[in-house]
Amino acid sequence: MNMMTVGLCAAAFVCYVAIMISIPVRAKKLRKNAGEQRLALKNTSSAKWILLAVIAAAVIFVIPLRDMGTFVNVILLGTALIAAEMAAREAANRGMAGVYQEAIVVGGQTIFFADIESLPTLAYEDDPESDGDYKTSLRIIRRNGTETTLVFADEEDRTNAVQMILNLVPRLKPK
């Protein structure tokens, strides 16, 4: 067993534990920063985050048993930590789907209204030539220029969420 590999795995495990321990802290911070819930939405997230967290831990523990070289080990450990981060984010948002005073939480994603530049989907959703993909999703352009798509449980949830967002943040209404 290579000592470098063992050291990398030990460091990855410490990071993994820190990520998993942060779940309740993240959830509490989200509840505080999002404000009062204005509209509850159907939760589209599931307990799949648990499976993702278990697989990430398994990868960290298997690497010392099957040393594949430092470069590949680092890539696999990094991937496991990214998976753990995704699982923690999903777990922190679990059961919180809704539109809040300051944010929207859907499908494991939280987007604060202050971070939203525009909702381009609203500009073309009534166009008869549009493909209809907007019925359960909402494209969001963030202030930093990145684009995010929120996927809702159904058309009714999306319609109610968009209406509530536009009521809370009138600047996002299409012109």
Protein backbone atom coordinates (compact mmCIF):
# COMPACT_ATOMS: atom_id res chain seq x y z
CA MET A 1 0.00 0.00 0.00
CA ASN A 2 1.42 3.35 -1.10
CA MET A 3 1.65 5.87 1.77
CA MET A 4 0.83 8.72 -0.60
CA THR A 5 -2.41 6.98 -1.56
CA VAL A 6 -3.29 6.37 2.09
CA GLY A 7 -2.60 10.03 2.86
CA LEU A 8 -4.75 11.23 -0.04
CA CYS A 9 -7.58 8.93 1.03
CA ALA A 10 -7.34 10.08 4.63
CA ALA A 11 -7.50 13.73 3.53
CA ALA A 12 -10.45 12.96 1.25
CA PHE A 13 -12.23 11.17 4.09
CA VAL A 14 -11.76 14.16 6.41
CA CYS A 15 -13.22 16.42 3.69
CA TYR A 16 -16.08 13.95 3.17
CA VAL A 17 -16.93 13.94 6.88
CA ALA A 18 -16.80 17.76 6.98
CA ILE A 19 -19.18 17.95 4.00
CA MET A 20 -21.63 15.50 5.58
CA ILE A 21 -21.49 17.25 8.97
CA SER A 22 -22.30 20.55 7.24
CA ILE A 23 -25.77 19.36 6.11
CA PRO A 24 -27.71 20.58 9.18
CA VAL A 25 -25.77 23.85 9.20
CA ARG A 26 -26.56 24.41 5.51
CA ALA A 27 -30.26 23.65 6.06
CA LYS A 28 -30.45 26.06 9.00
CA LYS A 29 -28.65 28.79 7.06
CA LEU A 30 -30.95 28.29 4.08
CA ARG A 31 -34.07 28.55 6.25
CA LYS A 32 -32.74 31.75 7.81
CA ASN A 33 -31.63 33.42 4.56
CA ALA A 34 -34.60 32.40 2.40
CA GLY A 35 -37.11 34.09 4.70
CA GLU A 36 -40.75 33.20 5.17
CA GLN A 37 -42.26 30.61 2.85
CA ARG A 38 -44.80 32.21 0.53
CA LEU A 39 -45.73 29.16 -1.56
CA ALA A 40 -45.11 25.49 -0.90
CA LEU A 41 -44.22 23.40 -3.95
CA LYS A 42 -44.17 19.66 -4.47
CA ASN A 43 -40.83 18.18 -3.52
CA THR A 44 -39.12 16.70 -6.56
CA SER A 45 -36.03 15.63 -4.68
CA SER A 46 -35.81 12.20 -3.19
CA ALA A 47 -33.63 10.16 -0.91
CA LYS A 48 -31.25 9.41 -3.81
CA TRP A 49 -28.78 11.72 -2.11
CA ILE A 50 -28.19 8.98 0.46
CA LEU A 51 -27.13 6.56 -2.28
CA LEU A 52 -24.84 9.21 -3.75
CA ALA A 53 -23.24 9.83 -0.35
CA VAL A 54 -22.71 6.09 0.23
CA ILE A 55 -21.13 5.59 -3.20
CA ALA A 56 -18.82 8.58 -2.61
CA ALA A 57 -17.69 7.08 0.70
CA ALA A 58 -17.19 3.68 -0.92
CA VAL A 59 -14.95 5.17 -3.59
CA ILE A 60 -12.80 6.81 -0.92
CA PHE A 61 -12.43 3.50 0.95
CA VAL A 62 -11.77 1.36 -2.16
CA ILE A 63 -8.93 3.47 -3.57
CA PRO A 64 -6.27 2.23 -1.10
CA LEU A 65 -7.23 -1.36 -1.89
CA ARG A 66 -6.79 -0.88 -5.63
CA ASP A 67 -4.08 1.73 -6.15
CA MET A 68 -4.34 3.00 -9.74
CA GLY A 69 -1.59 5.58 -9.63
CA THR A 70 -1.51 9.00 -8.01
CA PHE A 71 -3.09 10.89 -10.91
CA VAL A 72 -6.09 8.54 -11.27
CA ASN A 73 -6.49 8.34 -7.49
CA VAL A 74 -6.65 12.13 -7.22
CA ILE A 75 -9.26 12.28 -9.98
CA LEU A 76 -11.38 9.56 -8.36
CA LEU A 77 -11.13 11.15 -4.92
CA GLY A 78 -12.03 14.54 -6.37
CA THR A 79 -15.03 13.01 -8.09
CA ALA A 80 -16.12 11.36 -4.84
CA LEU A 81 -15.90 14.70 -3.03
CA ILE A 82 -17.91 16.43 -5.75
CA ALA A 83 -20.54 13.69 -5.38
CA ALA A 84 -20.55 14.20 -1.62
CA GLU A 85 -21.02 17.96 -2.13
CA MET A 86 -23.95 17.32 -4.47
CA ALA A 87 -25.49 14.93 -1.95
CA ALA A 88 -25.08 17.45 0.87
CA ARG A 89 -26.65 20.23 -1.18
CA GLU A 90 -29.60 18.00 -2.03
CA ALA A 91 -29.96 16.88 1.59
CA ALA A 92 -29.89 20.46 2.91
CA ASN A 93 -32.67 21.48 0.50
CA ARG A 94 -34.73 18.33 1.07
CA GLY A 95 -38.32 19.04 2.00
CA MET A 96 -37.97 22.79 1.46
CA ALA A 97 -39.36 23.11 -2.07
CA GLY A 98 -41.15 26.41 -2.33
CA VAL A 99 -41.06 30.11 -3.03
CA TYR A 100 -39.74 32.08 -0.09
CA GLN A 101 -39.52 35.80 0.60
CA GLU A 102 -35.93 35.93 -0.69
CA ALA A 103 -35.43 32.75 -2.76
CA ILE A 104 -36.89 29.83 -4.63
CA VAL A 105 -35.99 26.24 -3.72
CA VAL A 106 -36.75 23.57 -6.33
CA GLY A 107 -35.20 20.19 -7.03
CA GLY A 108 -32.22 20.59 -4.75
CA GLN A 109 -31.40 24.06 -6.08
CA THR A 110 -31.72 27.34 -4.23
CA ILE A 111 -31.70 30.60 -6.13
CA PHE A 112 -31.94 33.90 -4.33
CA PHE A 113 -33.99 36.58 -6.08
CA ALA A 114 -31.19 39.13 -5.69
CA ASP A 115 -29.06 36.82 -7.87
CA ILE A 116 -31.59 36.68 -10.74
CA GLU A 117 -31.05 38.95 -13.74
CA SER A 118 -33.99 37.75 -15.84
CA LEU A 119 -36.46 34.97 -16.58
CA PRO A 120 -36.13 34.62 -20.38
CA THR A 121 -38.69 31.79 -20.59
CA LEU A 122 -41.48 34.26 -19.79
CA ALA A 123 -40.75 36.33 -22.90
CA TYR A 124 -41.55 33.53 -25.34
CA GLU A 125 -43.81 31.07 -23.52
CA ASP A 126 -46.98 32.47 -25.16
CA ASP A 127 -45.43 32.30 -28.62
CA PRO A 128 -47.25 29.62 -30.68
CA GLU A 129 -43.93 28.61 -32.28
CA SER A 130 -42.31 27.75 -28.93
CA ASP A 131 -41.74 24.05 -28.30
CA GLY A 132 -43.57 23.93 -24.95
CA ASP A 133 -40.55 22.86 -22.87
CA TYR A 134 -41.30 25.74 -20.53
CA LYS A 135 -44.43 24.08 -19.11
CA THR A 136 -42.56 22.39 -16.24
CA SER A 137 -39.29 24.33 -16.30
CA LEU A 138 -38.06 27.86 -15.83
CA ARG A 139 -34.85 29.27 -17.30
CA ILE A 140 -33.09 31.78 -15.11
CA ILE A 141 -30.25 34.08 -16.09
CA ARG A 142 -28.17 34.98 -13.05
CA ARG A 143 -26.42 38.28 -12.49
CA ASN A 144 -23.04 36.62 -13.11
CA GLY A 145 -24.24 35.58 -16.60
CA THR A 146 -24.75 31.88 -15.93
CA GLU A 147 -27.98 30.15 -16.83
CA THR A 148 -29.91 27.78 -14.58
CA THR A 149 -33.01 25.77 -15.36
CA LEU A 150 -35.38 24.85 -12.57
CA VAL A 151 -37.53 21.78 -13.17
CA PHE A 152 -40.87 21.65 -11.35
CA ALA A 153 -42.97 18.62 -10.42
CA ASP A 154 -45.79 19.69 -12.75
CA GLU A 155 -47.21 22.55 -14.80
CA GLU A 156 -49.38 23.82 -11.93
CA ASP A 157 -46.38 24.16 -9.59
CA ARG A 158 -44.46 26.06 -12.26
CA THR A 159 -47.36 28.43 -12.98
CA ASN A 160 -47.94 29.15 -9.28
CA ALA A 161 -44.22 29.62 -8.62
CA VAL A 162 -43.76 32.04 -11.53
CA GLN A 163 -46.78 34.08 -10.43
CA MET A 164 -45.49 34.26 -6.85
CA ILE A 165 -41.97 35.22 -8.02
CA LEU A 166 -43.38 38.01 -10.19
CA ASN A 167 -45.47 39.26 -7.26
CA LEU A 168 -42.45 39.27 -4.94
CA VAL A 169 -39.96 40.61 -7.53
CA PRO A 170 -41.83 42.82 -10.03
CA ARG A 171 -38.59 43.80 -11.85
CA LEU A 172 -38.53 40.28 -13.36
CA LYS A 173 -41.80 40.75 -15.28
CA PRO A 174 -41.20 40.54 -19.03
CA LYS A 175 -41.26 43.86 -20.84
